[in-house]
Amino acid sequence: MILEILTPERKIFSGDVYGVQLPGISGLFEILDKHAPMVSALKAGKLKILRDKTNSSIYKIQSGFVEILNNKMVVLVEGAEAL
């Protein structure tokens, strides 16, 4: 799955990933490869990128939205920084 994390200022991340854990407004959820299309609101919190089953990286994000369509995930947030 292709993941892009975008803020109003710049692109934070772009690449192929195994999955992503996101802070939804109703709680934490995870998106894996070939997920059904969806759009969800995000709250401020930690976004975890699963590069494969053993490697991951974490970003602190502000509120925003995520869209999944055709095995591509776009995360649009007010701000993000790597932890």
N, C-alpha and C. Protein backbone atom coordinates (compact mmCIF):
# COMPACT_ATOMS: atom_id res chain seq x y z
N MET A 1 0.85 -1.17 0.00
CA MET A 1 0.00 0.00 0.00
C MET A 1 0.90 1.24 0.00
N ILE A 2 0.51 2.23 -0.76
CA ILE A 2 1.24 3.50 -0.81
C ILE A 2 0.65 4.44 0.25
N LEU A 3 1.54 5.05 1.03
CA LEU A 3 1.12 6.01 2.06
C LEU A 3 1.74 7.36 1.78
N GLU A 4 0.92 8.41 1.89
CA GLU A 4 1.41 9.79 1.85
C GLU A 4 0.87 10.52 3.06
N ILE A 5 1.76 11.22 3.78
CA ILE A 5 1.36 12.06 4.90
C ILE A 5 1.66 13.50 4.49
N LEU A 6 0.61 14.33 4.44
CA LEU A 6 0.74 15.70 3.96
C LEU A 6 0.26 16.69 5.01
N THR A 7 0.99 17.81 5.11
CA THR A 7 0.57 18.95 5.93
C THR A 7 0.39 20.14 4.98
N PRO A 8 -0.17 21.25 5.44
CA PRO A 8 -0.29 22.41 4.55
C PRO A 8 1.08 22.92 4.07
N GLU A 9 2.14 22.67 4.82
CA GLU A 9 3.46 23.17 4.46
C GLU A 9 4.27 22.24 3.57
N ARG A 10 4.15 20.90 3.80
CA ARG A 10 5.03 19.98 3.05
C ARG A 10 4.56 18.53 3.16
N LYS A 11 5.21 17.69 2.35
CA LYS A 11 4.98 16.25 2.40
C LYS A 11 5.90 15.68 3.47
N ILE A 12 5.34 14.98 4.46
CA ILE A 12 6.09 14.41 5.57
C ILE A 12 6.63 13.03 5.23
N PHE A 13 5.82 12.23 4.54
CA PHE A 13 6.22 10.85 4.23
C PHE A 13 5.53 10.42 2.93
N SER A 14 6.25 9.63 2.14
CA SER A 14 5.68 9.01 0.95
C SER A 14 6.42 7.71 0.72
N GLY A 15 5.69 6.60 0.63
CA GLY A 15 6.35 5.33 0.39
C GLY A 15 5.41 4.15 0.53
N ASP A 16 5.96 2.97 0.26
CA ASP A 16 5.21 1.73 0.34
C ASP A 16 5.27 1.20 1.77
N VAL A 17 4.13 0.83 2.35
CA VAL A 17 4.05 0.36 3.73
C VAL A 17 3.20 -0.89 3.83
N TYR A 18 3.37 -1.60 4.94
CA TYR A 18 2.57 -2.80 5.25
C TYR A 18 1.23 -2.41 5.86
N GLY A 19 1.25 -1.37 6.71
CA GLY A 19 0.03 -0.91 7.38
C GLY A 19 0.30 0.36 8.17
N VAL A 20 -0.79 0.93 8.71
CA VAL A 20 -0.70 2.17 9.49
C VAL A 20 -1.69 2.12 10.63
N GLN A 21 -1.24 2.54 11.83
CA GLN A 21 -2.14 2.69 12.98
C GLN A 21 -2.41 4.19 13.14
N LEU A 22 -3.69 4.54 13.26
CA LEU A 22 -4.11 5.93 13.27
C LEU A 22 -4.98 6.27 14.47
N PRO A 23 -4.90 7.52 14.98
CA PRO A 23 -5.76 7.95 16.09
C PRO A 23 -7.08 8.53 15.58
N GLY A 24 -8.09 7.69 15.38
CA GLY A 24 -9.39 8.17 14.94
C GLY A 24 -10.11 8.92 16.05
N ILE A 25 -11.12 9.67 15.69
CA ILE A 25 -11.84 10.44 16.72
C ILE A 25 -12.59 9.54 17.69
N SER A 26 -12.88 8.30 17.29
CA SER A 26 -13.54 7.35 18.20
C SER A 26 -12.58 6.35 18.80
N GLY A 27 -11.31 6.45 18.47
CA GLY A 27 -10.31 5.53 19.01
C GLY A 27 -9.30 5.10 17.96
N LEU A 28 -8.30 4.38 18.40
CA LEU A 28 -7.22 3.92 17.54
C LEU A 28 -7.73 2.86 16.57
N PHE A 29 -7.28 2.93 15.31
CA PHE A 29 -7.61 1.88 14.34
C PHE A 29 -6.43 1.64 13.42
N GLU A 30 -6.45 0.51 12.73
CA GLU A 30 -5.32 0.10 11.89
C GLU A 30 -5.81 -0.20 10.47
N ILE A 31 -5.05 0.24 9.49
CA ILE A 31 -5.34 -0.01 8.08
C ILE A 31 -4.20 -0.87 7.53
N LEU A 32 -4.56 -1.98 6.89
CA LEU A 32 -3.57 -2.87 6.29
C LEU A 32 -3.74 -2.86 4.77
N ASP A 33 -2.80 -3.51 4.08
CA ASP A 33 -2.79 -3.60 2.63
C ASP A 33 -4.14 -4.07 2.08
N LYS A 34 -4.58 -3.49 0.97
CA LYS A 34 -5.82 -3.84 0.27
C LYS A 34 -7.09 -3.58 1.09
N HIS A 35 -7.06 -2.56 1.93
CA HIS A 35 -8.23 -2.19 2.73
C HIS A 35 -9.33 -1.62 1.83
N ALA A 36 -10.56 -1.79 2.23
CA ALA A 36 -11.69 -1.22 1.50
C ALA A 36 -11.61 0.31 1.51
N PRO A 37 -12.16 0.98 0.50
CA PRO A 37 -12.15 2.45 0.47
C PRO A 37 -12.87 3.03 1.68
N MET A 38 -12.31 4.11 2.23
CA MET A 38 -12.96 4.80 3.36
C MET A 38 -12.35 6.18 3.56
N VAL A 39 -13.07 7.01 4.30
CA VAL A 39 -12.60 8.32 4.74
C VAL A 39 -12.90 8.41 6.22
N SER A 40 -11.95 8.93 7.01
CA SER A 40 -12.17 9.05 8.45
C SER A 40 -11.49 10.31 8.98
N ALA A 41 -12.10 10.90 10.00
CA ALA A 41 -11.49 12.03 10.71
C ALA A 41 -10.47 11.51 11.71
N LEU A 42 -9.41 12.29 11.93
CA LEU A 42 -8.36 11.93 12.87
C LEU A 42 -8.24 12.99 13.96
N LYS A 43 -7.89 12.55 15.17
CA LYS A 43 -7.61 13.50 16.25
C LYS A 43 -6.09 13.54 16.46
N ALA A 44 -5.65 14.49 17.24
CA ALA A 44 -4.22 14.58 17.55
C ALA A 44 -3.78 13.33 18.31
N GLY A 45 -2.59 12.84 17.99
CA GLY A 45 -2.08 11.64 18.64
C GLY A 45 -0.90 11.07 17.89
N LYS A 46 -0.67 9.77 18.08
CA LYS A 46 0.47 9.10 17.44
C LYS A 46 0.02 8.26 16.26
N LEU A 47 0.70 8.44 15.14
CA LEU A 47 0.48 7.66 13.94
C LEU A 47 1.67 6.72 13.80
N LYS A 48 1.42 5.43 13.68
CA LYS A 48 2.49 4.44 13.60
C LYS A 48 2.51 3.83 12.20
N ILE A 49 3.63 3.98 11.50
CA ILE A 49 3.79 3.40 10.17
C ILE A 49 4.45 2.04 10.32
N LEU A 50 3.79 1.01 9.79
CA LEU A 50 4.34 -0.35 9.81
C LEU A 50 4.97 -0.60 8.44
N ARG A 51 6.28 -0.45 8.37
CA ARG A 51 6.98 -0.62 7.09
C ARG A 51 6.95 -2.07 6.63
N ASP A 52 7.05 -2.99 7.57
CA ASP A 52 6.84 -4.42 7.36
C ASP A 52 6.44 -4.99 8.72
N LYS A 53 6.46 -6.30 8.87
CA LYS A 53 5.97 -6.88 10.12
C LYS A 53 6.88 -6.64 11.31
N THR A 54 8.12 -6.16 11.09
CA THR A 54 9.06 -5.94 12.20
C THR A 54 9.55 -4.50 12.34
N ASN A 55 9.48 -3.69 11.29
CA ASN A 55 9.99 -2.32 11.33
C ASN A 55 8.86 -1.31 11.33
N SER A 56 8.97 -0.29 12.19
CA SER A 56 7.94 0.74 12.25
C SER A 56 8.56 2.09 12.60
N SER A 57 7.82 3.15 12.36
CA SER A 57 8.21 4.49 12.78
C SER A 57 6.96 5.21 13.26
N ILE A 58 7.16 6.18 14.15
CA ILE A 58 6.04 6.87 14.80
C ILE A 58 6.13 8.37 14.54
N TYR A 59 4.97 8.96 14.25
CA TYR A 59 4.86 10.40 14.07
C TYR A 59 3.80 10.93 15.03
N LYS A 60 4.05 12.10 15.57
CA LYS A 60 3.05 12.80 16.38
C LYS A 60 2.30 13.71 15.41
N ILE A 61 0.97 13.51 15.31
CA ILE A 61 0.19 14.29 14.36
C ILE A 61 -0.84 15.16 15.07
N GLN A 62 -1.25 16.21 14.38
CA GLN A 62 -2.38 17.02 14.81
C GLN A 62 -3.62 16.49 14.09
N SER A 63 -4.75 17.09 14.31
CA SER A 63 -6.00 16.58 13.72
C SER A 63 -5.98 16.69 12.20
N GLY A 64 -6.85 15.87 11.57
CA GLY A 64 -6.93 15.87 10.12
C GLY A 64 -7.85 14.79 9.62
N PHE A 65 -7.54 14.28 8.43
CA PHE A 65 -8.36 13.26 7.78
C PHE A 65 -7.47 12.23 7.10
N VAL A 66 -8.04 11.03 6.87
CA VAL A 66 -7.37 10.00 6.10
C VAL A 66 -8.34 9.49 5.04
N GLU A 67 -7.81 9.23 3.84
CA GLU A 67 -8.59 8.64 2.76
C GLU A 67 -7.85 7.42 2.24
N ILE A 68 -8.58 6.32 2.08
CA ILE A 68 -8.02 5.10 1.50
C ILE A 68 -8.81 4.80 0.24
N LEU A 69 -8.11 4.66 -0.89
CA LEU A 69 -8.74 4.38 -2.17
C LEU A 69 -7.73 3.71 -3.09
N ASN A 70 -8.11 2.58 -3.68
CA ASN A 70 -7.26 1.86 -4.63
C ASN A 70 -5.88 1.54 -4.07
N ASN A 71 -5.84 1.07 -2.83
CA ASN A 71 -4.61 0.68 -2.13
C ASN A 71 -3.63 1.84 -1.96
N LYS A 72 -4.14 3.07 -1.89
CA LYS A 72 -3.34 4.25 -1.60
C LYS A 72 -4.00 4.99 -0.45
N MET A 73 -3.21 5.35 0.56
CA MET A 73 -3.70 6.06 1.73
C MET A 73 -3.09 7.46 1.75
N VAL A 74 -3.95 8.47 1.86
CA VAL A 74 -3.49 9.85 1.98
C VAL A 74 -3.95 10.36 3.33
N VAL A 75 -2.98 10.81 4.15
CA VAL A 75 -3.26 11.37 5.47
C VAL A 75 -3.02 12.88 5.37
N LEU A 76 -4.06 13.67 5.59
CA LEU A 76 -3.97 15.13 5.55
C LEU A 76 -4.13 15.63 6.98
N VAL A 77 -3.07 16.23 7.53
CA VAL A 77 -3.09 16.70 8.92
C VAL A 77 -2.58 18.13 9.02
N GLU A 78 -2.93 18.80 10.10
CA GLU A 78 -2.49 20.18 10.33
C GLU A 78 -0.99 20.26 10.59
N GLY A 79 -0.43 19.23 11.18
CA GLY A 79 1.01 19.21 11.46
C GLY A 79 1.44 17.81 11.86
N ALA A 80 2.73 17.52 11.67
CA ALA A 80 3.28 16.20 12.04
C ALA A 80 4.78 16.32 12.27
N GLU A 81 5.28 15.51 13.19
CA GLU A 81 6.72 15.45 13.45
C GLU A 81 7.10 14.03 13.84
N ALA A 82 8.26 13.61 13.39
CA ALA A 82 8.75 12.26 13.70
C ALA A 82 9.15 12.19 15.17
N LEU A 83 8.89 11.07 15.80
CA LEU A 83 9.30 10.84 17.19
C LEU A 83 10.46 9.87 17.24
